Amino acid sequence: MREALCVPVDTVRRTEDAFVDELFSAVPEQGGILVAAKYARTVADLNRDPRELDPNMFSDGVPRPCGMPTARVEAGLGCLPRVAARGEAIYARRLTRSEGEARLSGIHDIYHQCLATELGSLKERHGRAFLIDCHSMPSVQPGRRNLADIVLGDRFGSSCDPRLTGRIERAFRANGFSVARNAPYAGGYTTRRYGRPKRDFHAVQIEINRGLYMDEQAVETSAGFAQMQQVLSAIVVEILDVATQIGRR
């Protein structure tokens, strides 16, 4: 990927969910399971359908069948993105089909196989499973003013028991954060794929404003990182508690 770039690596790094796994690093000690992505979303976006591919990105054909063109793909933000944070093209050439397939099979497929296995195991042991899909979002976005500190996405109430989203929202507000639901992020491919509350699979997406815990230009943690980490540790306690309550329904 580096060989194909026409922009500095720092440019593409500004789109990644930097340090989110570290923010939630206490989850295993608290009784949850933490599945962390090892590649940035510019390499392969795990929160996109693997069929969201732009045929024009490849020199010798797409690696897999494409779905219907979507606004995200047309904007360059498909499963294999072709633009960076400000919309600038990141590649000096088109990718080959084998390069695309390597990312899909070696990153996207493996991540979701792992996630599906963990959720299936939880469901088998406990009768239900809860997925908290953790992301970060830019603090400034074109055309949007006063972006919330936290955006919760539950596919407009369809991906989880409403008590889960409600409890998370109240917990963030109690800690002084502004919270929005489903705008501008309602939950992506991951929430849509795994959120099946009628089958006892509950999924909610959490987007954290990067300005709260990092220097977005330098891609470094800021003075607010430790506090955010503590808050999220408390939020996880709330999540585990409401999950137990839902289980006793």
Protein backbone atom coordinates (compact mmCIF):
# COMPACT_ATOMS: atom_id res chain seq x y z
CA MET A 1 0.00 0.00 0.00
CA ARG A 2 2.80 2.43 0.85
CA GLU A 3 4.35 1.91 -2.57
CA ALA A 4 1.08 2.86 -4.26
CA LEU A 5 0.40 6.01 -2.22
CA CYS A 6 0.69 9.49 -3.72
CA VAL A 7 0.21 11.23 -0.34
CA PRO A 8 2.23 11.04 2.90
CA VAL A 9 1.36 8.21 5.28
CA ASP A 10 0.30 10.82 7.86
CA THR A 11 -2.48 11.90 5.49
CA VAL A 12 -4.11 8.48 5.46
CA ARG A 13 -3.46 7.96 9.17
CA ARG A 14 -5.80 10.84 9.98
CA THR A 15 -8.78 8.71 8.92
CA GLU A 16 -8.04 5.78 11.23
CA ASP A 17 -9.72 5.02 14.57
CA ALA A 18 -6.50 5.79 16.38
CA PHE A 19 -6.12 4.65 20.01
CA VAL A 20 -9.71 3.38 20.33
CA ASP A 21 -8.49 -0.08 21.36
CA GLU A 22 -6.40 1.59 24.07
CA LEU A 23 -9.38 3.61 25.29
CA PHE A 24 -11.25 0.34 25.86
CA SER A 25 -8.24 -1.67 27.03
CA ALA A 26 -9.81 -2.45 30.44
CA VAL A 27 -12.70 -4.40 28.89
CA PRO A 28 -11.16 -7.90 29.36
CA GLU A 29 -10.55 -7.19 33.05
CA GLN A 30 -14.16 -6.05 33.41
CA GLY A 31 -15.65 -9.24 32.03
CA GLY A 32 -15.99 -8.47 28.35
CA ILE A 33 -14.15 -9.57 25.22
CA LEU A 34 -12.14 -7.04 23.21
CA VAL A 35 -11.65 -7.71 19.50
CA ALA A 36 -9.29 -5.09 18.06
CA ALA A 37 -8.60 -4.33 14.41
CA LYS A 38 -4.91 -4.32 13.48
CA TYR A 39 -5.23 -2.36 10.24
CA ALA A 40 -6.55 1.14 9.68
CA ARG A 41 -9.77 1.66 7.76
CA THR A 42 -7.88 3.10 4.79
CA VAL A 43 -6.37 -0.34 4.20
CA ALA A 44 -9.72 -2.12 4.56
CA ASP A 45 -12.82 -0.63 6.15
CA LEU A 46 -14.28 -3.32 8.41
CA ASN A 47 -17.49 -1.33 8.82
CA ARG A 48 -18.31 -1.57 5.11
CA ASP A 49 -19.92 -4.39 3.18
CA PRO A 50 -17.15 -6.24 1.27
CA ARG A 51 -19.25 -5.79 -1.88
CA GLU A 52 -18.92 -2.00 -1.62
CA LEU A 53 -16.11 -1.81 -4.16
CA ASP A 54 -15.26 0.75 -6.82
CA PRO A 55 -14.46 -1.07 -10.11
CA ASN A 56 -12.48 1.94 -11.32
CA MET A 57 -9.91 1.39 -8.57
CA PHE A 58 -8.58 -1.79 -10.17
CA SER A 59 -6.44 -2.26 -13.24
CA ASP A 60 -7.48 -5.84 -14.05
CA GLY A 61 -10.98 -6.21 -12.63
CA VAL A 62 -12.61 -6.20 -9.22
CA PRO A 63 -11.50 -8.87 -6.72
CA ARG A 64 -15.10 -9.83 -5.92
CA PRO A 65 -18.58 -9.18 -7.27
CA CYS A 66 -19.76 -5.65 -6.48
CA GLY A 67 -23.11 -4.66 -5.09
CA MET A 68 -25.17 -1.80 -6.42
CA PRO A 69 -23.22 1.48 -6.44
CA THR A 70 -23.72 3.43 -3.23
CA ALA A 71 -23.10 7.07 -2.34
CA ARG A 72 -20.20 5.98 -0.15
CA VAL A 73 -18.50 4.10 -2.98
CA GLU A 74 -19.01 7.00 -5.38
CA ALA A 75 -17.47 9.30 -2.78
CA GLY A 76 -14.41 7.05 -2.60
CA LEU A 77 -15.28 5.54 0.79
CA GLY A 78 -16.07 1.94 -0.02
CA CYS A 79 -14.66 -1.13 1.68
CA LEU A 80 -11.29 -0.29 0.11
CA PRO A 81 -11.21 3.53 0.29
CA ARG A 82 -9.52 5.56 -2.44
CA VAL A 83 -9.62 8.99 -0.77
CA ALA A 84 -8.32 10.43 2.51
CA ALA A 85 -9.98 12.61 5.15
CA ARG A 86 -10.27 15.72 2.97
CA GLY A 87 -11.32 13.88 -0.16
CA GLU A 88 -7.88 13.80 -1.77
CA ALA A 89 -6.96 10.75 -3.86
CA ILE A 90 -4.45 8.58 -2.02
CA TYR A 91 -3.17 6.30 -4.79
CA ALA A 92 -0.78 7.11 -7.63
CA ARG A 93 -2.01 4.12 -9.60
CA ARG A 94 -4.87 1.67 -9.75
CA LEU A 95 -4.69 -1.40 -7.53
CA THR A 96 -4.54 -4.92 -8.92
CA ARG A 97 -7.26 -7.46 -8.34
CA SER A 98 -4.85 -9.58 -6.27
CA GLU A 99 -4.01 -6.61 -4.03
CA GLY A 100 -7.69 -6.02 -3.37
CA GLU A 101 -8.42 -9.68 -2.68
CA ALA A 102 -5.47 -9.91 -0.27
CA ARG A 103 -6.97 -7.15 1.84
CA LEU A 104 -10.49 -8.57 1.72
CA SER A 105 -9.50 -12.13 2.57
CA GLY A 106 -6.58 -11.35 4.87
CA ILE A 107 -8.17 -8.53 6.87
CA HIS A 108 -11.92 -8.05 6.36
CA ASP A 109 -12.91 -11.72 6.20
CA ILE A 110 -10.70 -12.77 9.10
CA TYR A 111 -11.93 -9.97 11.37
CA HIS A 112 -15.58 -10.78 10.80
CA GLN A 113 -15.01 -14.51 11.10
CA CYS A 114 -13.43 -13.86 14.49
CA LEU A 115 -16.23 -11.54 15.56
CA ALA A 116 -18.97 -13.94 14.45
CA THR A 117 -17.28 -16.80 16.29
CA GLU A 118 -17.03 -14.83 19.54
CA LEU A 119 -20.66 -13.71 19.36
CA GLY A 120 -21.83 -17.22 18.56
CA SER A 121 -19.91 -18.59 21.51
CA LEU A 122 -21.40 -15.98 23.86
CA LYS A 123 -24.90 -16.74 22.60
CA GLU A 124 -24.38 -20.46 23.12
CA ARG A 125 -23.09 -20.00 26.68
CA HIS A 126 -25.39 -17.25 27.89
CA GLY A 127 -28.41 -17.27 25.60
CA ARG A 128 -27.62 -13.82 24.21
CA ALA A 129 -24.72 -11.69 23.00
CA PHE A 130 -23.98 -7.95 23.05
CA LEU A 131 -21.69 -6.20 20.58
CA ILE A 132 -20.43 -2.67 21.25
CA ASP A 133 -18.81 -1.49 18.01
CA CYS A 134 -16.31 1.24 18.97
CA HIS A 135 -15.16 3.97 16.60
CA SER A 136 -13.89 7.54 16.52
CA MET A 137 -15.04 10.50 14.44
CA PRO A 138 -13.42 13.77 13.33
CA SER A 139 -14.11 16.73 15.59
CA VAL A 140 -14.79 18.95 12.60
CA GLN A 141 -16.83 17.87 9.58
CA PRO A 142 -17.78 19.94 6.51
CA GLY A 143 -21.35 21.19 6.65
CA ARG A 144 -21.91 20.09 10.25
CA ARG A 145 -21.80 22.41 13.24
CA ASN A 146 -21.67 21.53 16.91
CA LEU A 147 -20.94 17.85 16.45
CA ALA A 148 -21.77 15.89 19.59
CA ASP A 149 -19.12 14.38 21.83
CA ILE A 150 -20.66 10.94 21.39
CA VAL A 151 -22.86 9.52 18.64
CA LEU A 152 -24.71 6.27 19.34
CA GLY A 153 -25.95 4.22 16.41
CA ASP A 154 -28.54 1.48 16.82
CA ARG A 155 -30.02 1.54 13.31
CA PHE A 156 -32.87 3.69 14.61
CA GLY A 157 -33.76 1.22 17.32
CA SER A 158 -33.61 -1.93 15.21
CA SER A 159 -30.23 -3.41 16.19
CA CYS A 160 -30.60 -3.79 19.96
CA ASP A 161 -32.90 -3.64 22.94
CA PRO A 162 -33.70 0.08 23.47
CA ARG A 163 -32.68 -0.21 27.10
CA LEU A 164 -29.07 -0.76 26.01
CA THR A 165 -28.87 2.45 23.97
CA GLY A 166 -30.75 4.39 26.61
CA ARG A 167 -28.46 3.27 29.42
CA ILE A 168 -25.32 4.13 27.45
CA GLU A 169 -26.69 7.56 26.56
CA ARG A 170 -27.58 8.37 30.17
CA ALA A 171 -24.17 7.21 31.38
CA PHE A 172 -22.35 9.50 28.94
CA ARG A 173 -24.60 12.44 29.79
CA ALA A 174 -24.04 11.86 33.51
CA ASN A 175 -20.32 12.31 32.81
CA GLY A 176 -20.89 15.65 31.11
CA PHE A 177 -20.81 14.61 27.45
CA SER A 178 -23.24 15.65 24.73
CA VAL A 179 -24.83 12.67 22.97
CA ALA A 180 -26.65 12.24 19.65
CA ARG A 181 -28.41 9.17 18.34
CA ASN A 182 -28.16 7.91 14.77
CA ALA A 183 -27.02 11.26 13.35
CA PRO A 184 -24.78 11.50 11.52
CA TYR A 185 -23.92 7.83 12.18
CA ALA A 186 -26.70 5.28 12.57
CA GLY A 187 -24.43 2.24 12.60
CA GLY A 188 -22.65 0.67 9.66
CA TYR A 189 -22.15 -2.78 8.21
CA THR A 190 -21.12 -4.31 11.55
CA THR A 191 -24.17 -3.11 13.45
CA ARG A 192 -26.46 -4.06 10.58
CA ARG A 193 -24.94 -7.52 10.16
CA TYR A 194 -24.91 -8.59 13.80
CA GLY A 195 -27.74 -6.62 15.40
CA ARG A 196 -30.60 -9.14 15.59
CA PRO A 197 -32.36 -8.49 18.92
CA LYS A 198 -35.20 -10.92 18.13
CA ARG A 199 -32.50 -13.60 17.93
CA ASP A 200 -30.83 -12.28 21.11
CA PHE A 201 -27.93 -10.59 19.30
CA HIS A 202 -27.72 -6.92 20.29
CA ALA A 203 -25.40 -4.42 18.60
CA VAL A 204 -24.81 -0.70 19.11
CA GLN A 205 -22.15 1.57 17.63
CA ILE A 206 -20.28 4.19 19.66
CA GLU A 207 -18.55 7.06 17.86
CA ILE A 208 -16.21 9.15 20.03
CA ASN A 209 -15.21 12.68 19.04
CA ARG A 210 -11.44 12.56 18.47
CA GLY A 211 -10.99 16.06 19.82
CA LEU A 212 -11.73 14.72 23.30
CA TYR A 213 -8.66 12.54 23.53
CA MET A 214 -6.18 13.13 20.71
CA ASP A 215 -4.35 15.63 18.52
CA GLU A 216 -5.94 14.83 15.18
CA GLN A 217 -3.24 16.38 13.02
CA ALA A 218 -0.29 14.75 14.78
CA VAL A 219 -2.24 11.51 15.45
CA GLU A 220 -1.09 11.52 19.07
CA THR A 221 -2.96 11.20 22.35
CA SER A 222 -3.72 14.44 24.17
CA ALA A 223 -4.11 15.41 27.82
CA GLY A 224 -7.75 14.27 27.72
CA PHE A 225 -6.87 10.66 26.92
CA ALA A 226 -6.59 9.37 30.51
CA GLN A 227 -9.89 10.95 31.53
CA MET A 228 -11.67 9.52 28.50
CA GLN A 229 -10.24 6.11 29.28
CA GLN A 230 -11.62 6.30 32.83
CA VAL A 231 -15.03 7.40 31.63
CA LEU A 232 -15.24 4.54 29.15
CA SER A 233 -14.28 2.07 31.86
CA ALA A 234 -17.29 3.31 33.85
CA ILE A 235 -19.50 3.11 30.75
CA VAL A 236 -18.53 -0.54 30.29
CA VAL A 237 -19.73 -1.26 33.84
CA GLU A 238 -23.09 0.26 32.90
CA ILE A 239 -23.23 -1.82 29.72
CA LEU A 240 -22.53 -5.05 31.57
CA ASP A 241 -25.20 -4.20 34.13
CA VAL A 242 -27.93 -3.46 31.61
CA ALA A 243 -26.96 -6.56 29.62
CA THR A 244 -27.56 -8.62 32.76
CA GLN A 245 -30.94 -6.95 33.27
CA ILE A 246 -31.98 -7.63 29.68
CA GLY A 247 -30.92 -11.25 30.18
CA ARG A 248 -33.30 -11.58 33.12
CA ARG A 249 -36.23 -10.32 31.09
